[in-house]
Every structure is written in C-alpha cells, then in structure tokens.
Amino acid sequence: QVQLVESGGGLVQAGGSLRLSCAASGRTFTSRSMGWFRQAPGKEREFVAAISWSGDSTYYADSVKRRFTISRDNAKNTVYLQMNSLKPEDTAVYHCAAHGRIFSSVSQKGNDYAYWGQGTQVTVSS
C-alpha cells in the first residue's frame, strides 16, 4: 500500500510559480512510477506529468511542456511538480498518483495508477 499526501497548492497570479509536493508512505514507493494529474471544475481528469521509479525518465502533457518539471527524491519519499509561467487554464485540483505495478515505465493513463492522493487546489488569477 502507498499513501499519498499533496501540498503546496494555493492562489497565484498568471506568470507566477508554485511547487507541489507529494509525500508518500509505504515501502514500495521507490519502486513505483509516479504521476501528477489535474481536474478542473466540470472537466475530466487529465494527465500532467509522470516520472519513472528511478527518476531517469519523465513524460509531460503538451500543455505543460517547458513550463512544468516533475522530479522525485526517493530518500525523502517525495515527488515534486515545479510549475512555472502559470496560466489561468492551469487552475485545477492537482493529484499525485502511484503506479499500480512496481518497476513499470512511465504512463499517462490514469487507469494504470492504483494509489491517489486527496489533491491540492491550484488557482491562477488573470
């Protein structure tokens, strides 16, 4: 089992930055690929970024490439999402998720992730 708790959300002006953190508990965290997803009001959940269990492979949605950076610190059991040049359309609840299989490759498919955090709200004002 993996438990996930996100933090770092808040209100920021367009063009600003935020860093989200996802603290994980559970012995298999370091063996699992991790992902960030977001869901805006009235919209479906969408993939944002993913990182492999080793941290050497990352994958991003086109909408956030060159603005967001995913990283992980396995010694601290934490995954991060650095968000720069934020836009109002980035407003959403952001969730981190742990892949359902250990030592898997990165995935953008929500159904591949078995463990989810409760989410943190990010609001970008124009």
N, C-alpha and C. Protein backbone atom coordinates (compact mmCIF):
# COMPACT_ATOMS: atom_id res chain seq x y z
N GLN A 1 0.83 -1.19 0.00
CA GLN A 1 0.00 0.00 0.00
C GLN A 1 0.87 1.24 0.00
N VAL A 2 0.38 2.26 -0.66
CA VAL A 2 1.06 3.55 -0.70
C VAL A 2 0.04 4.63 -0.35
N GLN A 3 0.38 5.44 0.61
CA GLN A 3 -0.46 6.59 0.96
C GLN A 3 0.22 7.86 0.46
N LEU A 4 -0.57 8.76 -0.11
CA LEU A 4 -0.03 9.95 -0.74
C LEU A 4 -0.71 11.20 -0.19
N VAL A 5 0.07 12.21 0.12
CA VAL A 5 -0.47 13.48 0.61
C VAL A 5 0.19 14.63 -0.14
N GLU A 6 -0.64 15.39 -0.86
CA GLU A 6 -0.14 16.53 -1.63
C GLU A 6 -0.15 17.80 -0.78
N SER A 7 0.72 18.72 -1.13
CA SER A 7 0.75 20.04 -0.51
C SER A 7 1.37 21.02 -1.47
N GLY A 8 1.25 22.31 -1.15
CA GLY A 8 1.91 23.34 -1.95
C GLY A 8 0.99 24.12 -2.87
N GLY A 9 -0.27 23.74 -2.92
CA GLY A 9 -1.19 24.49 -3.77
C GLY A 9 -1.50 25.85 -3.19
N GLY A 10 -2.20 26.67 -3.97
CA GLY A 10 -2.57 28.00 -3.49
C GLY A 10 -3.04 28.88 -4.63
N LEU A 11 -3.11 30.17 -4.32
CA LEU A 11 -3.55 31.18 -5.30
C LEU A 11 -2.32 31.94 -5.78
N VAL A 12 -2.19 32.05 -7.09
CA VAL A 12 -1.04 32.73 -7.68
C VAL A 12 -1.50 33.51 -8.91
N GLN A 13 -0.82 34.59 -9.20
CA GLN A 13 -1.14 35.35 -10.40
C GLN A 13 -0.57 34.68 -11.64
N ALA A 14 -1.19 34.95 -12.77
CA ALA A 14 -0.68 34.42 -14.03
C ALA A 14 0.78 34.83 -14.20
N GLY A 15 1.58 33.89 -14.67
CA GLY A 15 3.01 34.12 -14.83
C GLY A 15 3.83 33.72 -13.62
N GLY A 16 3.15 33.42 -12.52
CA GLY A 16 3.84 33.05 -11.30
C GLY A 16 4.21 31.57 -11.26
N SER A 17 4.74 31.16 -10.11
CA SER A 17 5.21 29.78 -9.94
C SER A 17 4.70 29.19 -8.64
N LEU A 18 4.59 27.88 -8.63
CA LEU A 18 4.28 27.11 -7.44
C LEU A 18 5.03 25.79 -7.52
N ARG A 19 5.36 25.23 -6.36
CA ARG A 19 5.92 23.89 -6.32
C ARG A 19 5.03 23.01 -5.47
N LEU A 20 4.50 21.98 -6.09
CA LEU A 20 3.70 21.00 -5.38
C LEU A 20 4.58 19.88 -4.88
N SER A 21 4.23 19.35 -3.72
CA SER A 21 4.92 18.20 -3.16
C SER A 21 3.92 17.08 -2.92
N CYS A 22 4.40 15.87 -3.03
CA CYS A 22 3.58 14.69 -2.75
C CYS A 22 4.40 13.78 -1.85
N ALA A 23 4.02 13.72 -0.60
CA ALA A 23 4.72 12.88 0.36
C ALA A 23 4.09 11.50 0.39
N ALA A 24 4.93 10.48 0.27
CA ALA A 24 4.43 9.11 0.19
C ALA A 24 4.89 8.29 1.39
N SER A 25 4.03 7.39 1.80
CA SER A 25 4.40 6.40 2.81
C SER A 25 4.16 5.03 2.21
N GLY A 26 4.88 4.05 2.70
CA GLY A 26 4.78 2.72 2.11
C GLY A 26 6.12 2.30 1.55
N ARG A 27 6.45 1.02 1.73
CA ARG A 27 7.80 0.56 1.40
C ARG A 27 8.07 0.48 -0.10
N THR A 28 7.01 0.49 -0.94
CA THR A 28 7.24 0.29 -2.36
C THR A 28 7.29 1.58 -3.16
N PHE A 29 7.25 2.72 -2.49
CA PHE A 29 7.25 4.00 -3.22
C PHE A 29 8.43 4.08 -4.18
N THR A 30 9.62 3.74 -3.71
CA THR A 30 10.82 3.92 -4.54
C THR A 30 10.83 2.98 -5.75
N SER A 31 9.92 2.03 -5.80
CA SER A 31 9.83 1.09 -6.91
C SER A 31 8.71 1.43 -7.89
N ARG A 32 8.03 2.53 -7.65
CA ARG A 32 6.86 2.86 -8.47
C ARG A 32 7.03 4.14 -9.26
N SER A 33 6.61 4.10 -10.52
CA SER A 33 6.49 5.33 -11.29
C SER A 33 5.38 6.17 -10.66
N MET A 34 5.54 7.48 -10.78
CA MET A 34 4.59 8.40 -10.17
C MET A 34 4.07 9.37 -11.22
N GLY A 35 2.86 9.85 -10.99
CA GLY A 35 2.27 10.79 -11.93
C GLY A 35 1.54 11.92 -11.22
N TRP A 36 1.38 13.01 -11.92
CA TRP A 36 0.53 14.11 -11.50
C TRP A 36 -0.61 14.24 -12.50
N PHE A 37 -1.81 14.40 -11.97
CA PHE A 37 -3.00 14.61 -12.77
C PHE A 37 -3.73 15.82 -12.22
N ARG A 38 -4.61 16.39 -13.02
CA ARG A 38 -5.39 17.53 -12.53
C ARG A 38 -6.82 17.44 -13.04
N GLN A 39 -7.71 18.07 -12.30
CA GLN A 39 -9.11 18.10 -12.69
C GLN A 39 -9.69 19.46 -12.37
N ALA A 40 -10.15 20.13 -13.42
CA ALA A 40 -10.80 21.42 -13.27
C ALA A 40 -12.31 21.22 -13.12
N PRO A 41 -13.02 22.17 -12.54
CA PRO A 41 -14.47 22.04 -12.37
C PRO A 41 -15.17 21.79 -13.69
N GLY A 42 -16.00 20.77 -13.74
CA GLY A 42 -16.77 20.48 -14.94
C GLY A 42 -15.97 19.80 -16.04
N LYS A 43 -14.73 19.47 -15.76
CA LYS A 43 -13.89 18.82 -16.78
C LYS A 43 -13.41 17.46 -16.30
N GLU A 44 -13.00 16.64 -17.25
CA GLU A 44 -12.46 15.34 -16.90
C GLU A 44 -11.04 15.49 -16.36
N ARG A 45 -10.65 14.49 -15.59
CA ARG A 45 -9.28 14.45 -15.10
C ARG A 45 -8.31 14.34 -16.29
N GLU A 46 -7.20 15.06 -16.21
CA GLU A 46 -6.22 14.99 -17.30
C GLU A 46 -4.82 14.76 -16.75
N PHE A 47 -4.04 14.09 -17.54
CA PHE A 47 -2.64 13.80 -17.22
C PHE A 47 -1.81 15.08 -17.30
N VAL A 48 -0.87 15.23 -16.38
CA VAL A 48 0.03 16.38 -16.38
C VAL A 48 1.47 15.94 -16.62
N ALA A 49 1.99 15.04 -15.79
CA ALA A 49 3.39 14.64 -15.88
C ALA A 49 3.58 13.31 -15.16
N ALA A 50 4.64 12.60 -15.55
CA ALA A 50 4.97 11.34 -14.90
C ALA A 50 6.47 11.18 -14.84
N ILE A 51 6.92 10.39 -13.86
CA ILE A 51 8.34 10.13 -13.68
C ILE A 51 8.52 8.66 -13.34
N SER A 52 9.57 8.06 -13.87
CA SER A 52 9.83 6.65 -13.62
C SER A 52 10.28 6.43 -12.19
N TRP A 53 10.27 5.16 -11.78
CA TRP A 53 10.63 4.83 -10.40
C TRP A 53 12.07 5.25 -10.08
N SER A 54 12.95 5.20 -11.09
CA SER A 54 14.35 5.56 -10.88
C SER A 54 14.58 7.06 -11.03
N GLY A 55 13.61 7.75 -11.63
CA GLY A 55 13.76 9.18 -11.86
C GLY A 55 14.46 9.55 -13.14
N ASP A 56 14.86 8.57 -13.94
CA ASP A 56 15.64 8.89 -15.14
C ASP A 56 14.78 9.08 -16.38
N SER A 57 13.47 8.94 -16.24
CA SER A 57 12.58 9.12 -17.38
C SER A 57 11.37 9.94 -16.94
N THR A 58 11.04 10.94 -17.76
CA THR A 58 9.88 11.77 -17.47
C THR A 58 9.03 11.92 -18.73
N TYR A 59 7.78 12.32 -18.52
CA TYR A 59 6.85 12.48 -19.63
C TYR A 59 5.87 13.57 -19.25
N TYR A 60 5.55 14.45 -20.21
CA TYR A 60 4.69 15.59 -19.93
C TYR A 60 3.56 15.71 -20.94
N ALA A 61 2.45 16.25 -20.47
CA ALA A 61 1.39 16.64 -21.39
C ALA A 61 1.88 17.83 -22.22
N ASP A 62 1.44 17.92 -23.45
CA ASP A 62 1.89 19.02 -24.32
C ASP A 62 1.58 20.38 -23.71
N SER A 63 0.48 20.46 -22.99
CA SER A 63 0.03 21.75 -22.44
C SER A 63 0.96 22.29 -21.36
N VAL A 64 1.81 21.44 -20.79
CA VAL A 64 2.67 21.90 -19.69
C VAL A 64 4.16 21.78 -20.02
N LYS A 65 4.49 21.23 -21.17
CA LYS A 65 5.91 21.08 -21.54
C LYS A 65 6.62 22.43 -21.50
N ARG A 66 7.84 22.40 -21.02
CA ARG A 66 8.72 23.58 -20.90
C ARG A 66 8.24 24.57 -19.84
N ARG A 67 7.14 24.26 -19.16
CA ARG A 67 6.70 25.10 -18.03
C ARG A 67 6.73 24.34 -16.71
N PHE A 68 6.42 23.06 -16.74
CA PHE A 68 6.36 22.24 -15.53
C PHE A 68 7.52 21.25 -15.52
N THR A 69 8.00 20.93 -14.33
CA THR A 69 9.06 19.93 -14.17
C THR A 69 8.70 18.99 -13.04
N ILE A 70 8.69 17.69 -13.34
CA ILE A 70 8.45 16.68 -12.32
C ILE A 70 9.79 16.12 -11.86
N SER A 71 9.90 15.85 -10.57
CA SER A 71 11.12 15.28 -10.03
C SER A 71 10.76 14.45 -8.80
N ARG A 72 11.72 13.67 -8.33
CA ARG A 72 11.47 12.88 -7.14
C ARG A 72 12.73 12.77 -6.31
N ASP A 73 12.53 12.62 -5.01
CA ASP A 73 13.62 12.39 -4.08
C ASP A 73 13.27 11.12 -3.33
N ASN A 74 13.83 10.01 -3.76
CA ASN A 74 13.47 8.73 -3.15
C ASN A 74 13.94 8.62 -1.70
N ALA A 75 14.97 9.35 -1.36
CA ALA A 75 15.43 9.34 0.03
C ALA A 75 14.41 9.99 0.96
N LYS A 76 13.62 10.90 0.40
CA LYS A 76 12.60 11.60 1.19
C LYS A 76 11.19 11.10 0.89
N ASN A 77 11.08 10.09 0.02
CA ASN A 77 9.77 9.56 -0.37
C ASN A 77 8.83 10.66 -0.85
N THR A 78 9.36 11.53 -1.70
CA THR A 78 8.58 12.69 -2.14
C THR A 78 8.73 12.91 -3.65
N VAL A 79 7.62 13.29 -4.25
CA VAL A 79 7.61 13.68 -5.66
C VAL A 79 7.21 15.15 -5.72
N TYR A 80 7.80 15.87 -6.66
CA TYR A 80 7.56 17.30 -6.78
C TYR A 80 7.03 17.63 -8.18
N LEU A 81 6.31 18.73 -8.23
CA LEU A 81 5.91 19.30 -9.51
C LEU A 81 6.17 20.79 -9.45
N GLN A 82 7.23 21.22 -10.13
CA GLN A 82 7.56 22.64 -10.21
C GLN A 82 6.78 23.23 -11.37
N MET A 83 5.98 24.24 -11.09
CA MET A 83 5.12 24.84 -12.11
C MET A 83 5.50 26.30 -12.29
N ASN A 84 5.97 26.63 -13.48
CA ASN A 84 6.37 28.00 -13.81
C ASN A 84 5.46 28.55 -14.90
N SER A 85 5.50 29.86 -15.06
CA SER A 85 4.70 30.53 -16.11
C SER A 85 3.25 30.06 -16.08
N LEU A 86 2.68 30.07 -14.90
CA LEU A 86 1.32 29.55 -14.73
C LEU A 86 0.30 30.40 -15.49
N LYS A 87 -0.72 29.71 -15.98
CA LYS A 87 -1.79 30.34 -16.75
C LYS A 87 -3.13 30.09 -16.05
N PRO A 88 -4.11 30.92 -16.28
CA PRO A 88 -5.43 30.67 -15.67
C PRO A 88 -5.98 29.29 -16.00
N GLU A 89 -5.67 28.77 -17.17
CA GLU A 89 -6.16 27.45 -17.55
C GLU A 89 -5.48 26.32 -16.79
N ASP A 90 -4.47 26.63 -16.00
CA ASP A 90 -3.85 25.62 -15.14
C ASP A 90 -4.62 25.44 -13.84
N THR A 91 -5.62 26.27 -13.61
CA THR A 91 -6.43 26.16 -12.39
C THR A 91 -7.13 24.82 -12.33
N ALA A 92 -6.92 24.10 -11.23
CA ALA A 92 -7.48 22.76 -11.07
C ALA A 92 -7.08 22.22 -9.70
N VAL A 93 -7.67 21.08 -9.35
CA VAL A 93 -7.18 20.30 -8.22
C VAL A 93 -6.13 19.34 -8.78
N TYR A 94 -4.96 19.36 -8.18
CA TYR A 94 -3.85 18.52 -8.64
C TYR A 94 -3.69 17.33 -7.71
N HIS A 95 -3.63 16.15 -8.33
CA HIS A 95 -3.49 14.89 -7.59
C HIS A 95 -2.20 14.20 -7.99
N CYS A 96 -1.50 13.64 -7.02
CA CYS A 96 -0.41 12.74 -7.38
C CYS A 96 -0.92 11.31 -7.28
N ALA A 97 -0.25 10.42 -7.99
CA ALA A 97 -0.68 9.04 -8.06
C ALA A 97 0.52 8.12 -8.21
N ALA A 98 0.39 6.93 -7.66
CA ALA A 98 1.44 5.91 -7.74
C ALA A 98 0.98 4.78 -8.65
N HIS A 99 1.87 4.35 -9.53
CA HIS A 99 1.54 3.28 -10.48
C HIS A 99 1.16 2.00 -9.75
N GLY A 100 0.24 1.24 -10.36
CA GLY A 100 -0.21 0.01 -9.74
C GLY A 100 0.80 -1.12 -9.77
N ARG A 101 1.79 -1.06 -10.65
CA ARG A 101 2.81 -2.10 -10.74
C ARG A 101 4.18 -1.51 -10.40
N ILE A 102 4.97 -2.29 -9.70
CA ILE A 102 6.32 -1.82 -9.39
C ILE A 102 7.22 -1.97 -10.62
N PHE A 103 8.22 -1.12 -10.71
CA PHE A 103 9.21 -1.11 -11.78
C PHE A 103 8.57 -0.97 -13.17
N SER A 104 7.48 -0.27 -13.25
CA SER A 104 6.83 -0.04 -14.53
C SER A 104 7.44 1.18 -15.21
N SER A 105 7.16 1.31 -16.50
CA SER A 105 7.59 2.51 -17.21
C SER A 105 6.59 3.63 -16.93
N VAL A 106 6.94 4.84 -17.34
CA VAL A 106 6.03 5.96 -17.11
C VAL A 106 4.76 5.77 -17.93
N SER A 107 3.66 6.31 -17.43
CA SER A 107 2.38 6.16 -18.10
C SER A 107 1.56 7.44 -17.93
N GLN A 108 0.79 7.76 -18.96
CA GLN A 108 -0.13 8.89 -18.89
C GLN A 108 -1.56 8.43 -18.67
N LYS A 109 -1.74 7.14 -18.51
CA LYS A 109 -3.09 6.60 -18.36
C LYS A 109 -3.49 6.53 -16.89
N GLY A 110 -4.55 7.21 -16.54
CA GLY A 110 -4.99 7.22 -15.16
C GLY A 110 -5.30 5.84 -14.62
N ASN A 111 -5.78 4.96 -15.47
CA ASN A 111 -6.15 3.61 -15.02
C ASN A 111 -4.94 2.77 -14.62
N ASP A 112 -3.74 3.20 -15.00
CA ASP A 112 -2.53 2.47 -14.61
C ASP A 112 -2.11 2.77 -13.17
N TYR A 113 -2.71 3.80 -12.59
CA TYR A 113 -2.32 4.22 -11.25
C TYR A 113 -3.32 3.69 -10.22
N ALA A 114 -2.78 3.08 -9.17
CA ALA A 114 -3.64 2.42 -8.18
C ALA A 114 -3.83 3.23 -6.90
N TYR A 115 -2.93 4.18 -6.66
CA TYR A 115 -2.97 4.92 -5.40
C TYR A 115 -3.00 6.40 -5.71
N TRP A 116 -3.90 7.11 -5.03
CA TRP A 116 -4.13 8.52 -5.32
C TRP A 116 -4.16 9.34 -4.02
N GLY A 117 -3.65 10.56 -4.12
CA GLY A 117 -3.78 11.49 -3.01
C GLY A 117 -5.10 12.24 -3.09
N GLN A 118 -5.36 13.03 -2.07
CA GLN A 118 -6.64 13.72 -1.99
C GLN A 118 -6.67 14.99 -2.83
N GLY A 119 -5.51 15.46 -3.23
CA GLY A 119 -5.43 16.61 -4.11
C GLY A 119 -5.14 17.91 -3.40
N THR A 120 -4.59 18.86 -4.16
CA THR A 120 -4.33 20.21 -3.65
C THR A 120 -4.80 21.20 -4.71
N GLN A 121 -5.48 22.26 -4.27
CA GLN A 121 -6.06 23.22 -5.19
C GLN A 121 -5.02 24.22 -5.67
N VAL A 122 -4.98 24.42 -6.97
CA VAL A 122 -4.15 25.46 -7.58
C VAL A 122 -5.08 26.41 -8.33
N THR A 123 -5.01 27.68 -7.98
CA THR A 123 -5.84 28.69 -8.63
C THR A 123 -4.93 29.77 -9.19
N VAL A 124 -5.05 30.03 -10.49
CA VAL A 124 -4.24 31.03 -11.16
C VAL A 124 -5.16 32.16 -11.62
N SER A 125 -4.91 33.35 -11.10
CA SER A 125 -5.73 34.50 -11.45
C SER A 125 -5.13 35.25 -12.63
N SER A 126 -6.00 35.84 -13.43
CA SER A 126 -5.53 36.56 -14.62
C SER A 126 -5.25 38.02 -14.30
